[in-house]
Amino acid sequence: MKVPFACFDRANVSSRPALDAAYQRVIDSQWFILGREVEGFERDFAAFCGAKYCVGVANGLDAIQLLLVASEVGPGAEVIVAANTYIATWLGVSHAGARPIPVEPDAATFNLDPGRIADKITSRTRAIFGTHLYGRAGACVEIDAIGHEHNLPVFWDAAHAHGATVEGQPICRFGNASAFSFYPTKNLGCLGDGGAVVTNDSALADKVRRLRNYGCHRRYENECLGYNSRLDELQASFLRVKLPELVNLNAKRATAAGAYKDGLSAVPGIVLPEVVDGHVWHLFVIRHPERDDLRQHLLKHGIQTDIHYPTPPHLQPAYSGLGFRIGDFPISEKIHREVLSLPMHPFLSQDEIAHVCATVKTFCI
């Protein structure tokens, strides 16, 4: 049996007629940038997130950068980030002109450890930028309290967390703003690149709208040094098709995660992710000290996996100028050596999950 890591053919088959209709609607409109589709998606996604404002942009990285620029976090500033997040979080900080200050995660949750943040706050710190990694919400309540205590805005990279909740509340009700990606593999993904900034701050939303469109609200009247970063009409129309299905698809992911937990419980050497309310299971990430050998074993049996992520940002060549070395962030480095993402999408069959679990067991037992 072959088990793909992602499965776009299954994902789009049921919604194909609606996607075709959306495509035709945009083609017939002859309006392709910042039109009714983007406006409609922004309104609907803001409501889904329990927030007042959504501003569609070109991708998740731009969402991070633009919300920081709009918040006047730039050159000379420091921004607290997770040491083990995807490099996009760091790049958004860097492209805004600020310096990422990494903080180790909680090894059990993979998310930024609030107990380690205060020690990294200096007179130059201008924001805290957490990540809801793998679909599990970060420590929003605790980190909001830290931000309030130190008069710092709190932002979240929510690229993995469409629909995630904390204590029954949507994640966008915490912090000052959230940055989303709609890359095709996300829980809510378009058929290309896309992103958004979601916030309850009207001034911040207004600034991001200007920045995404050459620094203007009105054509040819450029109020600031802006960018070209707009969610296009076609991708917005596809997202409008997929958004109403997101809750149901997230529930299917949770069912698959439960089956993995049952099938892999008490397997020697395997560390399973914790199950908590509000987790939307963008990825199902296990840990094993012989991760690379386990991955090859699974591949030989037709099972595709991935590693999120092989190398932490502080050890990437792009950040060699910051002077970090192996051993500076041991928790993150151990996580990156051991994590393995098993196939996870809403269309996994029980037979496929059983095959993955049985194959993992043959390696470990």
Protein backbone atom coordinates (compact mmCIF):
# COMPACT_ATOMS: atom_id res chain seq x y z
CA MET A 1 0.00 0.00 0.00
CA LYS A 2 1.24 3.48 -0.91
CA VAL A 3 0.36 6.31 1.44
CA PRO A 4 1.05 9.83 0.11
CA PHE A 5 1.98 12.57 2.53
CA ALA A 6 -0.55 14.96 1.00
CA CYS A 7 -3.34 14.19 -1.44
CA PHE A 8 -4.53 17.05 -3.62
CA ASP A 9 -6.58 14.84 -5.94
CA ARG A 10 -8.78 13.69 -3.04
CA ALA A 11 -8.89 17.19 -1.58
CA ASN A 12 -10.29 18.84 -4.68
CA VAL A 13 -12.51 16.16 -6.22
CA SER A 14 -15.64 16.93 -4.21
CA SER A 15 -15.25 20.69 -4.57
CA ARG A 16 -14.23 20.64 -8.25
CA PRO A 17 -17.59 21.90 -9.59
CA ALA A 18 -17.57 24.82 -7.15
CA LEU A 19 -13.92 25.60 -7.93
CA ASP A 20 -14.69 25.55 -11.66
CA ALA A 21 -17.62 27.90 -11.08
CA ALA A 22 -15.43 30.24 -9.04
CA TYR A 23 -12.83 30.30 -11.80
CA GLN A 24 -15.48 31.08 -14.39
CA ARG A 25 -16.96 33.80 -12.20
CA VAL A 26 -13.61 35.58 -11.96
CA ILE A 27 -12.86 35.20 -15.67
CA ASP A 28 -16.27 36.58 -16.57
CA SER A 29 -15.89 39.51 -14.19
CA GLN A 30 -12.72 40.70 -15.96
CA TRP A 31 -11.54 42.01 -12.59
CA PHE A 32 -8.50 40.20 -11.23
CA ILE A 33 -6.95 42.30 -8.44
CA LEU A 34 -8.61 43.67 -5.25
CA GLY A 35 -12.21 43.15 -6.22
CA ARG A 36 -15.36 41.54 -4.87
CA GLU A 37 -13.82 38.09 -4.35
CA VAL A 38 -11.07 39.45 -2.09
CA GLU A 39 -13.55 41.64 -0.24
CA GLY A 40 -15.91 38.70 0.24
CA PHE A 41 -13.18 36.39 1.49
CA GLU A 42 -11.76 39.01 3.85
CA ARG A 43 -15.20 39.52 5.36
CA ASP A 44 -15.90 35.79 5.69
CA PHE A 45 -12.48 34.83 7.05
CA ALA A 46 -12.51 37.64 9.61
CA ALA A 47 -15.89 36.36 10.84
CA PHE A 48 -14.59 32.79 10.94
CA CYS A 49 -11.61 33.95 13.03
CA GLY A 50 -13.79 35.91 15.44
CA ALA A 51 -12.03 39.11 14.40
CA LYS A 52 -13.06 42.44 12.92
CA TYR A 53 -10.59 42.74 10.07
CA CYS A 54 -8.83 40.54 7.53
CA VAL A 55 -6.45 41.94 4.92
CA GLY A 56 -5.51 39.57 2.12
CA VAL A 57 -1.89 39.64 0.97
CA ALA A 58 0.28 37.68 -1.42
CA ASN A 59 1.59 35.05 1.02
CA GLY A 60 2.26 34.24 4.64
CA LEU A 61 5.75 35.72 4.72
CA ASP A 62 4.43 39.05 3.47
CA ALA A 63 1.73 38.93 6.13
CA ILE A 64 4.41 38.73 8.83
CA GLN A 65 6.52 41.48 7.33
CA LEU A 66 3.68 43.88 6.59
CA LEU A 67 2.08 43.66 10.01
CA LEU A 68 5.47 44.43 11.59
CA VAL A 69 6.10 47.36 9.24
CA ALA A 70 2.57 48.61 9.89
CA SER A 71 3.33 48.39 13.62
CA GLU A 72 6.53 50.45 13.13
CA VAL A 73 8.74 47.55 14.19
CA GLY A 74 11.84 48.07 12.07
CA PRO A 75 15.56 48.85 12.07
CA GLY A 76 17.13 48.72 15.52
CA ALA A 77 14.25 46.72 16.98
CA GLU A 78 14.37 43.22 18.41
CA VAL A 79 11.51 40.75 18.07
CA ILE A 80 11.13 37.64 20.23
CA VAL A 81 10.60 34.55 18.04
CA ALA A 82 10.56 30.79 18.56
CA ALA A 83 13.91 29.13 17.99
CA ASN A 84 12.31 26.11 16.31
CA THR A 85 9.78 27.78 14.04
CA TYR A 86 9.88 27.71 10.24
CA ILE A 87 12.34 30.26 8.91
CA ALA A 88 9.52 32.37 7.42
CA THR A 89 8.78 33.78 10.88
CA TRP A 90 12.37 34.94 11.19
CA LEU A 91 12.50 36.21 7.60
CA GLY A 92 9.44 38.39 8.12
CA VAL A 93 11.20 40.01 11.08
CA SER A 94 14.41 40.47 9.12
CA HIS A 95 12.67 41.90 6.04
CA ALA A 96 10.97 44.45 8.30
CA GLY A 97 14.49 45.53 9.32
CA ALA A 98 14.38 44.11 12.86
CA ARG A 99 16.47 41.39 14.51
CA PRO A 100 14.94 38.04 15.49
CA ILE A 101 15.70 37.03 19.08
CA PRO A 102 15.16 33.28 19.41
CA VAL A 103 13.64 31.66 22.48
CA GLU A 104 13.50 27.93 23.10
CA PRO A 105 10.18 26.07 22.85
CA ASP A 106 8.37 23.88 25.31
CA ALA A 107 9.56 20.41 24.25
CA ALA A 108 6.10 18.92 24.88
CA THR A 109 4.11 21.40 22.78
CA PHE A 110 6.74 22.54 20.23
CA ASN A 111 5.54 26.10 20.85
CA LEU A 112 7.30 29.13 22.33
CA ASP A 113 7.91 28.61 26.06
CA PRO A 114 6.45 31.61 27.90
CA GLY A 115 8.70 30.90 30.88
CA ARG A 116 11.78 31.74 28.82
CA ILE A 117 10.61 35.00 27.24
CA ALA A 118 11.23 37.54 30.00
CA ASP A 119 14.97 36.82 30.10
CA LYS A 120 15.27 37.80 26.42
CA ILE A 121 13.42 41.11 26.69
CA THR A 122 15.68 44.17 26.45
CA SER A 123 15.26 47.89 25.93
CA ARG A 124 15.29 47.19 22.18
CA THR A 125 12.49 44.59 22.21
CA ARG A 126 9.50 45.86 20.27
CA ALA A 127 7.30 42.77 19.84
CA ILE A 128 6.78 39.10 20.63
CA PHE A 129 6.06 36.93 17.59
CA GLY A 130 4.90 33.43 18.52
CA THR A 131 4.02 30.49 16.29
CA HIS A 132 1.10 28.08 16.50
CA LEU A 133 3.24 25.20 15.29
CA TYR A 134 1.80 22.07 13.64
CA GLY A 135 -1.78 23.22 14.35
CA ARG A 136 -1.57 23.46 18.13
CA ALA A 137 -2.22 26.94 19.52
CA GLY A 138 0.59 28.51 21.47
CA ALA A 139 0.41 29.72 25.07
CA CYS A 140 -1.76 32.69 24.12
CA VAL A 141 -3.02 33.60 27.59
CA GLU A 142 0.41 33.50 29.21
CA ILE A 143 2.17 35.34 26.38
CA ASP A 144 -0.54 38.01 26.21
CA ALA A 145 0.11 38.61 29.91
CA ILE A 146 3.84 38.99 29.26
CA GLY A 147 3.16 41.42 26.44
CA HIS A 148 0.86 43.45 28.65
CA GLU A 149 3.38 43.51 31.50
CA HIS A 150 6.17 44.75 29.25
CA ASN A 151 3.99 46.96 27.03
CA LEU A 152 4.82 44.87 23.95
CA PRO A 153 2.49 43.89 21.11
CA VAL A 154 2.02 40.15 20.63
CA PHE A 155 1.75 38.74 17.11
CA TRP A 156 1.23 35.16 15.95
CA ASP A 157 2.35 33.19 12.93
CA ALA A 158 -0.85 31.20 12.37
CA ALA A 159 0.16 29.52 9.10
CA HIS A 160 -0.50 26.08 10.63
CA ALA A 161 -3.55 26.96 12.68
CA HIS A 162 -6.62 27.83 10.61
CA GLY A 163 -9.52 27.20 12.99
CA ALA A 164 -7.45 26.49 16.11
CA THR A 165 -8.82 27.62 19.47
CA VAL A 166 -7.63 28.36 23.01
CA GLU A 167 -10.02 27.71 25.88
CA GLY A 168 -12.80 27.55 23.31
CA GLN A 169 -11.90 30.93 21.78
CA PRO A 170 -10.53 31.47 18.25
CA ILE A 171 -6.82 32.17 18.30
CA CYS A 172 -7.31 35.57 16.66
CA ARG A 173 -8.99 36.84 19.81
CA PHE A 174 -5.55 36.76 21.43
CA GLY A 175 -2.60 38.99 20.67
CA ASN A 176 -2.61 42.08 18.46
CA ALA A 177 -2.65 40.38 15.06
CA SER A 178 -2.15 37.04 13.34
CA ALA A 179 -0.42 36.23 10.06
CA PHE A 180 -1.90 33.43 7.94
CA SER A 181 -0.63 31.54 4.92
CA PHE A 182 -2.94 29.86 2.41
CA TYR A 183 -0.24 27.76 0.76
CA PRO A 184 -1.92 24.73 -0.89
CA THR A 185 -0.95 22.27 1.88
CA LYS A 186 -2.46 24.35 4.70
CA ASN A 187 -5.69 23.42 6.45
CA LEU A 188 -7.22 26.22 4.39
CA GLY A 189 -5.20 26.35 1.20
CA CYS A 190 -5.71 27.99 -2.15
CA LEU A 191 -4.38 26.75 -5.50
CA GLY A 192 -1.30 28.93 -5.37
CA ASP A 193 0.14 31.39 -2.88
CA GLY A 194 -1.91 33.57 -0.58
CA GLY A 195 -1.87 35.06 2.91
CA ALA A 196 -3.67 37.41 5.26
CA VAL A 197 -3.31 39.59 8.33
CA VAL A 198 -6.19 39.21 10.80
CA THR A 199 -6.67 41.71 13.62
CA ASN A 200 -9.15 43.66 15.72
CA ASP A 201 -7.05 46.81 15.37
CA SER A 202 -8.63 49.08 12.74
CA ALA A 203 -5.56 51.31 12.43
CA LEU A 204 -3.26 48.32 11.91
CA ALA A 205 -5.59 46.81 9.31
CA ASP A 206 -5.76 50.15 7.48
CA LYS A 207 -1.96 50.44 7.38
CA VAL A 208 -1.56 46.89 6.06
CA ARG A 209 -4.13 47.62 3.32
CA ARG A 210 -2.08 50.63 2.24
CA LEU A 211 1.24 48.82 2.43
CA ARG A 212 0.06 45.84 0.35
CA ASN A 213 -0.97 48.14 -2.53
CA TYR A 214 2.00 50.42 -3.22
CA GLY A 215 1.25 52.49 -0.13
CA CYS A 216 -2.08 53.82 -1.31
CA HIS A 217 -5.81 53.54 -0.79
CA ARG A 218 -6.61 55.61 -3.86
CA ARG A 219 -4.89 54.85 -7.15
CA TYR A 220 -1.80 56.97 -7.85
CA GLU A 221 -1.97 58.64 -4.43
CA ASN A 222 0.90 56.99 -2.56
CA GLU A 223 0.84 57.85 1.11
CA CYS A 224 3.81 55.70 2.18
CA LEU A 225 6.56 53.48 0.78
CA GLY A 226 4.43 50.45 0.08
CA TYR A 227 4.77 47.02 -1.47
CA ASN A 228 3.03 44.95 -4.10
CA SER A 229 1.52 42.14 -2.02
CA ARG A 230 -2.10 41.43 -2.86
CA LEU A 231 -4.23 38.32 -2.60
CA ASP A 232 -5.57 38.00 -6.13
CA GLU A 233 -9.22 37.55 -7.06
CA LEU A 234 -8.83 34.00 -8.38
CA GLN A 235 -7.20 32.62 -5.23
CA ALA A 236 -9.71 34.48 -3.07
CA SER A 237 -12.55 32.86 -5.02
CA PHE A 238 -11.06 29.41 -4.38
CA LEU A 239 -10.67 30.17 -0.69
CA ARG A 240 -14.32 31.21 -0.52
CA VAL A 241 -15.24 27.75 -1.84
CA LYS A 242 -13.08 25.97 0.72
CA LEU A 243 -13.73 28.06 3.83
CA PRO A 244 -17.23 26.64 4.55
CA GLU A 245 -15.74 23.13 4.66
CA LEU A 246 -12.88 23.97 7.01
CA VAL A 247 -14.55 22.98 10.28
CA ASN A 248 -15.57 19.61 8.85
CA LEU A 249 -12.12 18.99 7.35
CA ASN A 250 -10.42 19.91 10.63
CA ALA A 251 -12.68 17.39 12.39
CA LYS A 252 -11.52 14.70 9.96
CA ARG A 253 -7.91 15.61 10.72
CA ALA A 254 -8.67 15.20 14.42
CA THR A 255 -10.16 11.77 13.75
CA ALA A 256 -7.02 10.75 11.87
CA ALA A 257 -4.84 12.06 14.71
CA GLY A 258 -6.85 10.03 17.22
CA ALA A 259 -6.36 6.90 15.15
CA TYR A 260 -2.61 7.54 15.01
CA LYS A 261 -2.52 8.03 18.79
CA ASP A 262 -4.36 4.77 19.37
CA GLY A 263 -2.23 2.87 16.89
CA LEU A 264 1.11 4.16 18.13
CA SER A 265 0.56 4.31 21.87
CA ALA A 266 3.31 2.70 23.93
CA VAL A 267 5.53 2.01 20.89
CA PRO A 268 9.14 2.03 22.14
CA GLY A 269 11.14 5.11 21.15
CA ILE A 270 8.20 7.03 19.74
CA VAL A 271 7.21 10.35 21.31
CA LEU A 272 3.68 11.27 20.30
CA PRO A 273 2.20 14.78 20.18
CA GLU A 274 -0.15 15.73 22.96
CA VAL A 275 -3.88 15.84 22.25
CA VAL A 276 -5.48 19.07 23.47
CA ASP A 277 -8.76 20.80 22.73
CA GLY A 278 -8.55 23.22 19.84
CA HIS A 279 -5.67 21.46 18.03
CA VAL A 280 -6.38 21.42 14.27
CA TRP A 281 -3.64 18.93 13.31
CA HIS A 282 -2.04 20.65 10.36
CA LEU A 283 0.70 18.07 10.87
CA PHE A 284 1.00 14.90 12.94
CA VAL A 285 4.59 15.05 14.18
CA ILE A 286 6.24 12.24 16.10
CA ARG A 287 9.75 12.09 17.49
CA HIS A 288 12.28 9.26 17.36
CA PRO A 289 16.05 9.29 18.06
CA GLU A 290 16.67 7.35 14.82
CA ARG A 291 14.39 9.55 12.76
CA ASP A 292 16.25 9.29 9.45
CA ASP A 293 16.38 5.49 9.56
CA LEU A 294 12.70 5.34 10.47
CA ARG A 295 11.87 7.61 7.57
CA GLN A 296 13.72 5.37 5.12
CA HIS A 297 11.97 2.31 6.56
CA LEU A 298 8.57 3.92 5.98
CA LEU A 299 9.51 4.97 2.46
CA LYS A 300 10.50 1.40 1.58
CA HIS A 301 6.97 0.40 2.53
CA GLY A 302 5.35 3.05 0.35
CA ILE A 303 4.77 5.68 3.05
CA GLN A 304 5.74 9.28 2.33
CA THR A 305 6.79 11.45 5.26
CA ASP A 306 8.32 14.88 5.69
CA ILE A 307 10.48 16.69 8.24
CA HIS A 308 9.23 19.97 9.69
CA TYR A 309 11.99 21.11 9.86
CA PRO A 310 15.44 19.56 9.25
CA THR A 311 17.53 22.58 10.32
CA PRO A 312 16.52 25.28 12.82
CA PRO A 313 16.74 28.89 11.60
CA HIS A 314 19.71 29.80 13.81
CA LEU A 315 21.86 27.19 12.00
CA GLN A 316 20.77 28.15 8.48
CA PRO A 317 23.41 29.86 6.29
CA ALA A 318 21.01 32.79 5.87
CA TYR A 319 21.48 33.63 9.57
CA SER A 320 25.17 32.88 9.92
CA GLY A 321 25.73 36.60 10.47
CA LEU A 322 23.96 36.43 13.82
CA GLY A 323 26.80 34.31 15.17
CA PHE A 324 24.81 31.37 16.54
CA ARG A 325 26.50 27.98 16.86
CA ILE A 326 25.50 24.37 17.36
CA GLY A 327 24.53 23.95 21.00
CA ASP A 328 23.16 27.46 21.50
CA PHE A 329 19.56 26.18 21.49
CA PRO A 330 19.75 22.53 22.52
CA ILE A 331 16.02 21.92 22.89
CA SER A 332 15.31 23.19 19.37
CA GLU A 333 18.25 21.32 17.92
CA LYS A 334 17.14 18.04 19.50
CA ILE A 335 13.60 18.57 18.20
CA HIS A 336 14.87 19.20 14.69
CA ARG A 337 16.99 16.04 14.80
CA GLU A 338 14.08 13.85 15.88
CA VAL A 339 10.81 15.13 14.39
CA LEU A 340 9.06 13.23 11.62
CA SER A 341 5.75 14.23 10.07
CA LEU A 342 3.50 11.30 9.21
CA PRO A 343 0.90 11.56 6.42
CA MET A 344 -1.82 13.92 7.61
CA HIS A 345 -4.78 15.22 5.64
CA PRO A 346 -8.57 14.95 5.97
CA PHE A 347 -8.87 12.15 3.45
CA LEU A 348 -6.67 9.49 5.06
CA SER A 349 -8.39 6.14 5.20
CA GLN A 350 -8.36 3.91 8.29
CA ASP A 351 -6.49 1.29 6.26
CA GLU A 352 -3.78 3.82 5.40
CA ILE A 353 -3.39 4.88 9.02
CA ALA A 354 -3.26 1.23 10.12
CA HIS A 355 -0.54 0.56 7.54
CA VAL A 356 1.51 3.52 8.77
CA CYS A 357 1.17 2.43 12.40
CA ALA A 358 2.03 -1.20 11.66
CA THR A 359 5.09 -0.14 9.66
CA VAL A 360 6.32 2.13 12.44
CA LYS A 361 5.94 -0.76 14.88
CA THR A 362 8.01 -3.13 12.70
CA PHE A 363 10.87 -0.62 12.93
CA CYS A 364 10.57 0.04 16.66
CA ILE A 365 9.75 -3.38 18.10
